[in-house]
Amino acid sequence: MPQFEFVVEPDEPVESAPAPPPLPIELAPLPVAIGFKNPLAVRIGLVMSIATFLVALIVGPFIILWMLVGGALGAWFYGKRTGEQLTPLGGARLGWITGVFTILLVLMSIAAAALAVTDPAFVETFTAQMRQRGAGDAAQQFVKALQNPGQLAQVVLQVSLLCGLLPVLGGMLGAKLLGRPRTL
């Protein structure tokens, strides 16, 4: 016979401490697509278009070069500002934004010039000043082109193509050549 009585007590459920909430997972932010919904891309495109337009006005003969450089520098600035390595497609999109703003600036200038040549006094003063600089024939051709709707439409089309495509190519080149990470 046992000398003690064995009593089995039901186990009380042990309350465990509540599980800690899961730690928040920090995801790296996705890069914002380059387009008109990206405020940084729009700002850089606008600044580069204004810079390209002003440089082209000052140093006109190299306008093709300035359009390419404007697109390339826009891609470079965007890459520096965001820390992202810009793809050629991203550079093309940034160049496209630059090109759209450049087209708008040039079209506003053409519209102002077309409006100005409707005033005979302005045309006379303008051609006289250009004759003094040795560009009288070019000034007369310019005035005739602005007064002829067919030639004006042709100029607008050419300018739109030039100012639209060259920054795109420059942006692609800038992303490809200037956007590479530096290795020592």
N, C-alpha and C. Protein backbone atom coordinates (compact mmCIF):
# COMPACT_ATOMS: atom_id res chain seq x y z
N MET A 1 0.80 -1.16 0.00
CA MET A 1 0.00 0.00 0.00
C MET A 1 0.86 1.25 0.00
N PRO A 2 0.41 2.21 -0.81
CA PRO A 2 1.22 3.41 -0.87
C PRO A 2 1.12 4.21 0.41
N GLN A 3 2.14 4.88 0.71
CA GLN A 3 2.20 5.64 1.94
C GLN A 3 1.71 7.08 1.75
N PHE A 4 1.47 7.42 0.60
CA PHE A 4 0.93 8.77 0.37
C PHE A 4 -0.15 8.67 -0.70
N GLU A 5 -0.95 9.65 -0.71
CA GLU A 5 -2.03 9.64 -1.67
C GLU A 5 -1.62 10.53 -2.85
N PHE A 6 -1.73 9.97 -4.00
CA PHE A 6 -1.32 10.69 -5.21
C PHE A 6 -2.54 11.41 -5.76
N VAL A 7 -2.51 12.71 -5.70
CA VAL A 7 -3.63 13.50 -6.18
C VAL A 7 -3.19 14.18 -7.48
N VAL A 8 -3.97 13.96 -8.47
CA VAL A 8 -3.68 14.58 -9.76
C VAL A 8 -4.57 15.81 -9.92
N GLU A 9 -3.91 16.91 -9.99
CA GLU A 9 -4.68 18.13 -10.17
C GLU A 9 -4.68 18.49 -11.65
N PRO A 10 -5.82 18.95 -12.11
CA PRO A 10 -5.83 19.33 -13.52
C PRO A 10 -4.92 20.54 -13.73
N ASP A 11 -4.18 20.48 -14.82
CA ASP A 11 -3.28 21.60 -15.14
C ASP A 11 -4.11 22.82 -15.55
N GLU A 12 -3.71 23.89 -14.95
CA GLU A 12 -4.38 25.12 -15.35
C GLU A 12 -3.70 25.62 -16.62
N PRO A 13 -4.50 26.12 -17.49
CA PRO A 13 -3.85 26.62 -18.70
C PRO A 13 -2.91 27.75 -18.33
N VAL A 14 -1.72 27.59 -18.79
CA VAL A 14 -0.71 28.61 -18.53
C VAL A 14 -0.88 29.70 -19.57
N GLU A 15 -1.04 30.87 -19.05
CA GLU A 15 -1.19 31.99 -19.98
C GLU A 15 0.19 32.47 -20.38
N SER A 16 0.43 32.37 -21.65
CA SER A 16 1.72 32.84 -22.13
C SER A 16 1.59 34.32 -22.50
N ALA A 17 2.72 34.96 -22.53
CA ALA A 17 2.73 36.38 -22.89
C ALA A 17 2.28 36.51 -24.34
N PRO A 18 1.55 37.56 -24.63
CA PRO A 18 1.09 37.71 -26.02
C PRO A 18 2.30 37.87 -26.94
N ALA A 19 2.16 37.34 -28.13
CA ALA A 19 3.24 37.41 -29.11
C ALA A 19 3.46 38.87 -29.48
N PRO A 20 4.72 39.26 -29.58
CA PRO A 20 4.97 40.66 -29.95
C PRO A 20 4.48 40.90 -31.38
N PRO A 21 4.06 42.12 -31.64
CA PRO A 21 3.61 42.40 -33.00
C PRO A 21 4.78 42.23 -33.97
N PRO A 22 4.49 41.83 -35.19
CA PRO A 22 5.58 41.65 -36.14
C PRO A 22 6.28 42.98 -36.41
N LEU A 23 7.56 42.89 -36.59
CA LEU A 23 8.34 44.09 -36.88
C LEU A 23 7.96 44.62 -38.26
N PRO A 24 7.85 45.91 -38.37
CA PRO A 24 7.52 46.45 -39.70
C PRO A 24 8.68 46.20 -40.66
N ILE A 25 8.31 45.83 -41.84
CA ILE A 25 9.32 45.58 -42.87
C ILE A 25 9.49 46.87 -43.66
N GLU A 26 10.70 47.34 -43.68
CA GLU A 26 10.98 48.57 -44.41
C GLU A 26 11.38 48.20 -45.82
N LEU A 27 10.56 48.62 -46.74
CA LEU A 27 10.85 48.39 -48.14
C LEU A 27 11.49 49.63 -48.72
N ALA A 28 12.44 49.41 -49.58
CA ALA A 28 13.06 50.54 -50.26
C ALA A 28 12.01 51.16 -51.18
N PRO A 29 11.93 52.47 -51.21
CA PRO A 29 10.92 53.08 -52.08
C PRO A 29 11.22 52.76 -53.54
N LEU A 30 10.17 52.50 -54.27
CA LEU A 30 10.34 52.23 -55.69
C LEU A 30 10.67 53.54 -56.40
N PRO A 31 11.53 53.48 -57.37
CA PRO A 31 11.83 54.71 -58.10
C PRO A 31 10.58 55.21 -58.82
N VAL A 32 10.41 56.50 -58.81
CA VAL A 32 9.26 57.11 -59.46
C VAL A 32 9.54 57.12 -60.96
N ALA A 33 8.55 56.71 -61.71
CA ALA A 33 8.72 56.68 -63.17
C ALA A 33 8.97 58.10 -63.67
N ILE A 34 9.81 58.19 -64.66
CA ILE A 34 10.13 59.50 -65.23
C ILE A 34 9.02 59.86 -66.21
N GLY A 35 8.35 60.94 -65.91
CA GLY A 35 7.26 61.43 -66.73
C GLY A 35 6.75 62.73 -66.13
N PHE A 36 5.63 63.21 -66.64
CA PHE A 36 5.10 64.48 -66.15
C PHE A 36 4.48 64.36 -64.76
N LYS A 37 4.32 63.14 -64.24
CA LYS A 37 3.84 62.96 -62.87
C LYS A 37 4.98 62.97 -61.86
N ASN A 38 6.21 63.03 -62.32
CA ASN A 38 7.39 63.06 -61.47
C ASN A 38 7.84 64.52 -61.34
N PRO A 39 7.60 65.15 -60.17
CA PRO A 39 7.92 66.57 -60.04
C PRO A 39 9.39 66.90 -60.27
N LEU A 40 10.29 66.02 -59.82
CA LEU A 40 11.71 66.29 -60.01
C LEU A 40 12.07 66.25 -61.49
N ALA A 41 11.55 65.28 -62.21
CA ALA A 41 11.82 65.19 -63.65
C ALA A 41 11.28 66.41 -64.38
N VAL A 42 10.11 66.88 -63.98
CA VAL A 42 9.52 68.06 -64.62
C VAL A 42 10.37 69.30 -64.34
N ARG A 43 10.81 69.45 -63.08
CA ARG A 43 11.65 70.62 -62.74
C ARG A 43 12.96 70.59 -63.53
N ILE A 44 13.61 69.44 -63.56
CA ILE A 44 14.88 69.35 -64.28
C ILE A 44 14.66 69.59 -65.77
N GLY A 45 13.59 69.02 -66.33
CA GLY A 45 13.29 69.24 -67.74
C GLY A 45 13.03 70.71 -68.05
N LEU A 46 12.31 71.38 -67.17
CA LEU A 46 12.01 72.80 -67.38
C LEU A 46 13.27 73.65 -67.28
N VAL A 47 14.07 73.40 -66.27
CA VAL A 47 15.32 74.17 -66.11
C VAL A 47 16.25 73.94 -67.29
N MET A 48 16.37 72.69 -67.72
CA MET A 48 17.27 72.40 -68.85
C MET A 48 16.73 72.99 -70.15
N SER A 49 15.42 73.03 -70.31
CA SER A 49 14.87 73.63 -71.54
C SER A 49 15.12 75.14 -71.56
N ILE A 50 14.96 75.78 -70.42
CA ILE A 50 15.23 77.23 -70.36
C ILE A 50 16.71 77.49 -70.61
N ALA A 51 17.57 76.70 -69.99
CA ALA A 51 19.02 76.88 -70.19
C ALA A 51 19.39 76.63 -71.65
N THR A 52 18.84 75.56 -72.24
CA THR A 52 19.14 75.24 -73.64
C THR A 52 18.65 76.36 -74.55
N PHE A 53 17.46 76.86 -74.29
CA PHE A 53 16.89 77.92 -75.11
C PHE A 53 17.75 79.18 -75.04
N LEU A 54 18.15 79.56 -73.83
CA LEU A 54 18.96 80.77 -73.68
C LEU A 54 20.34 80.61 -74.31
N VAL A 55 20.97 79.45 -74.11
CA VAL A 55 22.29 79.23 -74.71
C VAL A 55 22.17 79.22 -76.23
N ALA A 56 21.10 78.61 -76.76
CA ALA A 56 20.91 78.59 -78.21
C ALA A 56 20.69 80.00 -78.76
N LEU A 57 20.04 80.87 -77.99
CA LEU A 57 19.87 82.25 -78.44
C LEU A 57 21.20 83.00 -78.49
N ILE A 58 22.04 82.73 -77.50
CA ILE A 58 23.31 83.43 -77.41
C ILE A 58 24.32 82.87 -78.41
N VAL A 59 24.40 81.56 -78.50
CA VAL A 59 25.38 80.90 -79.37
C VAL A 59 24.62 80.08 -80.40
N GLY A 60 23.89 80.75 -81.26
CA GLY A 60 22.99 80.12 -82.21
C GLY A 60 23.54 79.08 -83.16
N PRO A 61 24.72 79.25 -83.74
CA PRO A 61 25.16 78.29 -84.77
C PRO A 61 25.27 76.85 -84.28
N PHE A 62 25.43 76.64 -83.01
CA PHE A 62 25.61 75.29 -82.49
C PHE A 62 24.34 74.78 -81.81
N ILE A 63 23.17 75.15 -82.35
CA ILE A 63 21.91 74.81 -81.69
C ILE A 63 21.72 73.30 -81.57
N ILE A 64 22.15 72.53 -82.56
CA ILE A 64 22.01 71.07 -82.49
C ILE A 64 22.83 70.53 -81.32
N LEU A 65 24.02 71.03 -81.16
CA LEU A 65 24.86 70.60 -80.05
C LEU A 65 24.22 70.95 -78.72
N TRP A 66 23.65 72.15 -78.59
CA TRP A 66 23.07 72.58 -77.32
C TRP A 66 21.84 71.77 -76.97
N MET A 67 21.08 71.35 -77.97
CA MET A 67 19.91 70.51 -77.72
C MET A 67 20.34 69.14 -77.18
N LEU A 68 21.38 68.58 -77.78
CA LEU A 68 21.91 67.29 -77.30
C LEU A 68 22.47 67.42 -75.89
N VAL A 69 23.24 68.48 -75.66
CA VAL A 69 23.85 68.70 -74.34
C VAL A 69 22.77 68.94 -73.29
N GLY A 70 21.71 69.66 -73.64
CA GLY A 70 20.63 69.90 -72.70
C GLY A 70 19.97 68.61 -72.23
N GLY A 71 19.71 67.70 -73.16
CA GLY A 71 19.14 66.41 -72.79
C GLY A 71 20.09 65.58 -71.95
N ALA A 72 21.38 65.58 -72.33
CA ALA A 72 22.38 64.79 -71.59
C ALA A 72 22.57 65.33 -70.17
N LEU A 73 22.67 66.63 -70.04
CA LEU A 73 22.84 67.21 -68.70
C LEU A 73 21.61 67.01 -67.82
N GLY A 74 20.43 67.03 -68.43
CA GLY A 74 19.21 66.75 -67.68
C GLY A 74 19.25 65.35 -67.09
N ALA A 75 19.67 64.37 -67.89
CA ALA A 75 19.78 62.98 -67.40
C ALA A 75 20.84 62.89 -66.31
N TRP A 76 21.93 63.59 -66.49
CA TRP A 76 23.01 63.55 -65.49
C TRP A 76 22.55 64.17 -64.17
N PHE A 77 21.89 65.34 -64.25
CA PHE A 77 21.40 66.00 -63.03
C PHE A 77 20.37 65.12 -62.31
N TYR A 78 19.50 64.48 -63.06
CA TYR A 78 18.49 63.62 -62.45
C TYR A 78 19.16 62.45 -61.72
N GLY A 79 20.13 61.84 -62.36
CA GLY A 79 20.85 60.74 -61.73
C GLY A 79 21.59 61.19 -60.48
N LYS A 80 22.20 62.35 -60.52
CA LYS A 80 22.91 62.87 -59.35
C LYS A 80 21.94 63.20 -58.22
N ARG A 81 20.82 63.77 -58.58
CA ARG A 81 19.84 64.20 -57.56
C ARG A 81 19.17 63.01 -56.87
N THR A 82 18.84 61.98 -57.64
CA THR A 82 18.12 60.84 -57.08
C THR A 82 19.03 59.72 -56.61
N GLY A 83 20.25 59.67 -57.12
CA GLY A 83 21.15 58.58 -56.78
C GLY A 83 20.86 57.32 -57.58
N GLU A 84 19.91 57.39 -58.49
CA GLU A 84 19.56 56.25 -59.33
C GLU A 84 20.48 56.22 -60.55
N GLN A 85 20.71 55.00 -61.02
CA GLN A 85 21.42 54.89 -62.29
C GLN A 85 20.35 54.92 -63.37
N LEU A 86 20.36 55.96 -64.16
CA LEU A 86 19.33 56.18 -65.16
C LEU A 86 19.57 55.28 -66.37
N THR A 87 18.54 54.63 -66.83
CA THR A 87 18.63 53.80 -68.03
C THR A 87 18.52 54.70 -69.26
N PRO A 88 18.94 54.21 -70.42
CA PRO A 88 18.75 55.02 -71.63
C PRO A 88 17.28 55.37 -71.89
N LEU A 89 16.37 54.46 -71.53
CA LEU A 89 14.94 54.76 -71.68
C LEU A 89 14.53 55.89 -70.73
N GLY A 90 15.02 55.85 -69.50
CA GLY A 90 14.74 56.94 -68.56
C GLY A 90 15.34 58.24 -69.04
N GLY A 91 16.55 58.18 -69.59
CA GLY A 91 17.17 59.39 -70.16
C GLY A 91 16.38 59.93 -71.33
N ALA A 92 15.84 59.03 -72.15
CA ALA A 92 15.02 59.47 -73.28
C ALA A 92 13.75 60.15 -72.79
N ARG A 93 13.15 59.60 -71.74
CA ARG A 93 11.93 60.22 -71.20
C ARG A 93 12.23 61.60 -70.62
N LEU A 94 13.35 61.72 -69.92
CA LEU A 94 13.72 63.02 -69.37
C LEU A 94 14.04 64.00 -70.50
N GLY A 95 14.72 63.53 -71.54
CA GLY A 95 14.98 64.36 -72.70
C GLY A 95 13.70 64.79 -73.39
N TRP A 96 12.70 63.89 -73.39
CA TRP A 96 11.41 64.22 -73.99
C TRP A 96 10.74 65.35 -73.23
N ILE A 97 10.80 65.29 -71.91
CA ILE A 97 10.22 66.37 -71.10
C ILE A 97 10.94 67.68 -71.40
N THR A 98 12.27 67.63 -71.47
CA THR A 98 13.05 68.82 -71.82
C THR A 98 12.65 69.34 -73.20
N GLY A 99 12.49 68.41 -74.14
CA GLY A 99 12.11 68.79 -75.50
C GLY A 99 10.74 69.44 -75.58
N VAL A 100 9.78 68.93 -74.82
CA VAL A 100 8.43 69.50 -74.84
C VAL A 100 8.48 70.95 -74.34
N PHE A 101 9.19 71.18 -73.25
CA PHE A 101 9.29 72.55 -72.74
C PHE A 101 10.06 73.45 -73.71
N THR A 102 11.09 72.92 -74.36
CA THR A 102 11.86 73.71 -75.32
C THR A 102 10.98 74.07 -76.52
N ILE A 103 10.19 73.10 -76.99
CA ILE A 103 9.27 73.39 -78.11
C ILE A 103 8.32 74.51 -77.73
N LEU A 104 7.78 74.46 -76.52
CA LEU A 104 6.86 75.52 -76.08
C LEU A 104 7.54 76.88 -76.06
N LEU A 105 8.78 76.93 -75.55
CA LEU A 105 9.51 78.21 -75.53
C LEU A 105 9.76 78.73 -76.94
N VAL A 106 10.18 77.85 -77.83
CA VAL A 106 10.47 78.27 -79.20
C VAL A 106 9.19 78.69 -79.92
N LEU A 107 8.12 77.94 -79.71
CA LEU A 107 6.86 78.32 -80.37
C LEU A 107 6.33 79.66 -79.87
N MET A 108 6.51 79.94 -78.58
CA MET A 108 6.11 81.25 -78.07
C MET A 108 6.95 82.35 -78.72
N SER A 109 8.24 82.08 -78.91
CA SER A 109 9.11 83.07 -79.56
C SER A 109 8.72 83.28 -81.01
N ILE A 110 8.41 82.18 -81.71
CA ILE A 110 7.99 82.30 -83.11
C ILE A 110 6.68 83.06 -83.21
N ALA A 111 5.76 82.77 -82.29
CA ALA A 111 4.48 83.48 -82.31
C ALA A 111 4.68 84.97 -82.06
N ALA A 112 5.56 85.31 -81.12
CA ALA A 112 5.84 86.73 -80.85
C ALA A 112 6.48 87.39 -82.07
N ALA A 113 7.41 86.68 -82.73
CA ALA A 113 8.06 87.24 -83.91
C ALA A 113 7.06 87.39 -85.06
N ALA A 114 6.17 86.39 -85.23
CA ALA A 114 5.17 86.46 -86.30
C ALA A 114 4.22 87.63 -86.05
N LEU A 115 3.89 87.86 -84.79
CA LEU A 115 3.04 88.99 -84.45
C LEU A 115 3.78 90.31 -84.68
N ALA A 116 5.06 90.34 -84.37
CA ALA A 116 5.84 91.57 -84.52
C ALA A 116 6.00 91.97 -85.98
N VAL A 117 6.12 90.98 -86.90
CA VAL A 117 6.35 91.34 -88.30
C VAL A 117 5.07 91.81 -88.99
N THR A 118 3.97 91.85 -88.27
CA THR A 118 2.76 92.44 -88.85
C THR A 118 2.82 93.96 -88.79
N ASP A 119 3.75 94.50 -88.00
CA ASP A 119 3.92 95.95 -87.88
C ASP A 119 5.02 96.40 -88.86
N PRO A 120 4.67 97.18 -89.88
CA PRO A 120 5.67 97.62 -90.86
C PRO A 120 6.83 98.41 -90.24
N ALA A 121 6.57 99.17 -89.21
CA ALA A 121 7.63 99.95 -88.56
C ALA A 121 8.65 99.01 -87.91
N PHE A 122 8.17 97.95 -87.31
CA PHE A 122 9.09 96.98 -86.70
C PHE A 122 9.94 96.30 -87.77
N VAL A 123 9.31 95.92 -88.87
CA VAL A 123 10.04 95.23 -89.95
C VAL A 123 11.13 96.14 -90.50
N GLU A 124 10.81 97.42 -90.68
CA GLU A 124 11.80 98.35 -91.22
C GLU A 124 12.97 98.53 -90.25
N THR A 125 12.67 98.70 -88.98
CA THR A 125 13.72 98.86 -87.97
C THR A 125 14.57 97.60 -87.86
N PHE A 126 13.92 96.44 -87.84
CA PHE A 126 14.63 95.17 -87.71
C PHE A 126 15.56 94.93 -88.89
N THR A 127 15.08 95.12 -90.10
CA THR A 127 15.93 94.88 -91.28
C THR A 127 17.06 95.90 -91.34
N ALA A 128 16.82 97.14 -90.92
CA ALA A 128 17.88 98.15 -90.92
C ALA A 128 18.98 97.76 -89.93
N GLN A 129 18.58 97.30 -88.75
CA GLN A 129 19.58 96.88 -87.75
C GLN A 129 20.37 95.66 -88.24
N MET A 130 19.70 94.74 -88.87
CA MET A 130 20.38 93.54 -89.35
C MET A 130 21.30 93.86 -90.53
N ARG A 131 20.92 94.85 -91.36
CA ARG A 131 21.80 95.28 -92.45
C ARG A 131 23.10 95.86 -91.90
N GLN A 132 23.00 96.60 -90.79
CA GLN A 132 24.21 97.16 -90.16
C GLN A 132 25.13 96.06 -89.67
N ARG A 133 24.58 94.94 -89.30
CA ARG A 133 25.38 93.80 -88.82
C ARG A 133 25.82 92.88 -89.95
N GLY A 134 25.39 93.20 -91.17
CA GLY A 134 25.80 92.39 -92.32
C GLY A 134 24.88 91.21 -92.57
N ALA A 135 23.70 91.22 -92.01
CA ALA A 135 22.77 90.10 -92.20
C ALA A 135 21.44 90.60 -92.73
N GLY A 136 21.49 91.56 -93.64
CA GLY A 136 20.26 92.14 -94.18
C GLY A 136 19.45 91.14 -94.99
N ASP A 137 20.14 90.31 -95.82
CA ASP A 137 19.43 89.33 -96.63
C ASP A 137 18.76 88.27 -95.75
N ALA A 138 19.46 87.82 -94.71
CA ALA A 138 18.89 86.82 -93.80
C ALA A 138 17.68 87.39 -93.07
N ALA A 139 17.75 88.66 -92.71
CA ALA A 139 16.63 89.30 -92.01
C ALA A 139 15.41 89.38 -92.92
N GLN A 140 15.61 89.72 -94.20
CA GLN A 140 14.50 89.79 -95.13
C GLN A 140 13.87 88.41 -95.35
N GLN A 141 14.71 87.38 -95.45
CA GLN A 141 14.18 86.02 -95.60
C GLN A 141 13.40 85.60 -94.36
N PHE A 142 13.90 85.98 -93.21
CA PHE A 142 13.23 85.66 -91.95
C PHE A 142 11.86 86.31 -91.89
N VAL A 143 11.79 87.58 -92.25
CA VAL A 143 10.53 88.31 -92.23
C VAL A 143 9.55 87.70 -93.24
N LYS A 144 10.02 87.38 -94.44
CA LYS A 144 9.15 86.78 -95.45
C LYS A 144 8.62 85.42 -94.98
N ALA A 145 9.48 84.63 -94.31
CA ALA A 145 9.05 83.32 -93.81
C ALA A 145 7.97 83.46 -92.75
N LEU A 146 8.11 84.48 -91.90
CA LEU A 146 7.11 84.69 -90.85
C LEU A 146 5.80 85.25 -91.39
N GLN A 147 5.86 85.91 -92.52
CA GLN A 147 4.65 86.49 -93.11
C GLN A 147 3.91 85.50 -94.01
N ASN A 148 4.56 84.43 -94.41
CA ASN A 148 3.95 83.43 -95.28
C ASN A 148 3.46 82.26 -94.42
N PRO A 149 2.15 82.00 -94.38
CA PRO A 149 1.63 80.92 -93.52
C PRO A 149 2.21 79.54 -93.84
N GLY A 150 2.44 79.25 -95.11
CA GLY A 150 3.00 77.94 -95.49
C GLY A 150 4.42 77.78 -94.97
N GLN A 151 5.24 78.81 -95.14
CA GLN A 151 6.61 78.74 -94.65
C GLN A 151 6.65 78.75 -93.13
N LEU A 152 5.73 79.48 -92.51
CA LEU A 152 5.66 79.52 -91.05
C LEU A 152 5.32 78.13 -90.51
N ALA A 153 4.38 77.45 -91.14
CA ALA A 153 4.03 76.09 -90.72
C ALA A 153 5.22 75.14 -90.89
N GLN A 154 5.96 75.32 -91.96
CA GLN A 154 7.14 74.49 -92.20
C GLN A 154 8.20 74.74 -91.13
N VAL A 155 8.41 75.98 -90.76
CA VAL A 155 9.38 76.33 -89.71
C VAL A 155 8.94 75.73 -88.38
N VAL A 156 7.65 75.83 -88.07
CA VAL A 156 7.14 75.28 -86.81
C VAL A 156 7.35 73.78 -86.77
N LEU A 157 7.09 73.09 -87.86
CA LEU A 157 7.29 71.64 -87.92
C LEU A 157 8.76 71.28 -87.75
N GLN A 158 9.63 71.98 -88.45
CA GLN A 158 11.07 71.70 -88.34
C GLN A 158 11.58 71.97 -86.93
N VAL A 159 11.17 73.07 -86.35
CA VAL A 159 11.60 73.41 -85.00
C VAL A 159 11.08 72.38 -84.01
N SER A 160 9.84 71.96 -84.17
CA SER A 160 9.27 70.96 -83.27
C SER A 160 10.03 69.65 -83.35
N LEU A 161 10.38 69.23 -84.54
CA LEU A 161 11.15 67.99 -84.68
C LEU A 161 12.55 68.14 -84.10
N LEU A 162 13.19 69.25 -84.41
CA LEU A 162 14.54 69.48 -83.91
C LEU A 162 14.57 69.57 -82.39
N CYS A 163 13.68 70.36 -81.83
CA CYS A 163 13.67 70.56 -80.38
C CYS A 163 13.06 69.38 -79.63
N GLY A 164 12.34 68.53 -80.32
CA GLY A 164 11.75 67.37 -79.68
C GLY A 164 12.65 66.16 -79.70
N LEU A 165 13.34 65.93 -80.80
CA LEU A 165 14.14 64.71 -80.93
C LEU A 165 15.55 64.84 -80.35
N LEU A 166 16.17 65.98 -80.53
CA LEU A 166 17.56 66.11 -80.08
C LEU A 166 17.73 65.98 -78.57
N PRO A 167 16.87 66.58 -77.74
CA PRO A 167 17.01 66.34 -76.29
C PRO A 167 16.77 64.89 -75.90
N VAL A 168 15.90 64.19 -76.64
CA VAL A 168 15.67 62.77 -76.36
C VAL A 168 16.96 61.98 -76.61
N LEU A 169 17.59 62.24 -77.76
CA LEU A 169 18.86 61.58 -78.05
C LEU A 169 19.93 61.96 -77.03
N GLY A 170 19.96 63.23 -76.66
CA GLY A 170 20.92 63.68 -75.65
C GLY A 170 20.67 63.02 -74.31
N GLY A 171 19.40 62.86 -73.92
CA GLY A 171 19.07 62.19 -72.66
C GLY A 171 19.51 60.74 -72.67
N MET A 172 19.33 60.07 -73.81
CA MET A 172 19.77 58.67 -73.92
C MET A 172 21.29 58.58 -73.79
N LEU A 173 21.98 59.46 -74.52
CA LEU A 173 23.45 59.47 -74.44
C LEU A 173 23.93 59.83 -73.05
N GLY A 174 23.27 60.80 -72.43
CA GLY A 174 23.66 61.20 -71.08
C GLY A 174 23.47 60.08 -70.08
N ALA A 175 22.38 59.34 -70.20
CA ALA A 175 22.14 58.22 -69.29
C ALA A 175 23.16 57.11 -69.53
N LYS A 176 23.51 56.90 -70.78
CA LYS A 176 24.45 55.82 -71.12
C LYS A 176 25.88 56.20 -70.74
N LEU A 177 26.29 57.41 -71.06
CA LEU A 177 27.69 57.79 -70.87
C LEU A 177 27.97 58.43 -69.52
N LEU A 178 27.08 59.32 -69.08
CA LEU A 178 27.34 60.05 -67.84
C LEU A 178 26.74 59.37 -66.62
N GLY A 179 25.84 58.41 -66.82
CA GLY A 179 25.15 57.78 -65.71
C GLY A 179 25.82 56.54 -65.17
N ARG A 180 26.98 56.17 -65.72
CA ARG A 180 27.67 54.97 -65.26
C ARG A 180 28.29 55.21 -63.90
N PRO A 181 28.25 54.19 -63.05
CA PRO A 181 28.94 54.34 -61.76
C PRO A 181 30.45 54.40 -61.96
N ARG A 182 31.09 55.22 -61.20
CA ARG A 182 32.54 55.39 -61.31
C ARG A 182 33.26 54.26 -60.58
N THR A 183 34.20 53.64 -61.23
CA THR A 183 35.02 52.62 -60.59
C THR A 183 36.46 53.07 -60.63
N LEU A 184 37.17 52.78 -59.57
CA LEU A 184 38.58 53.19 -59.51
C LEU A 184 39.48 52.09 -59.89
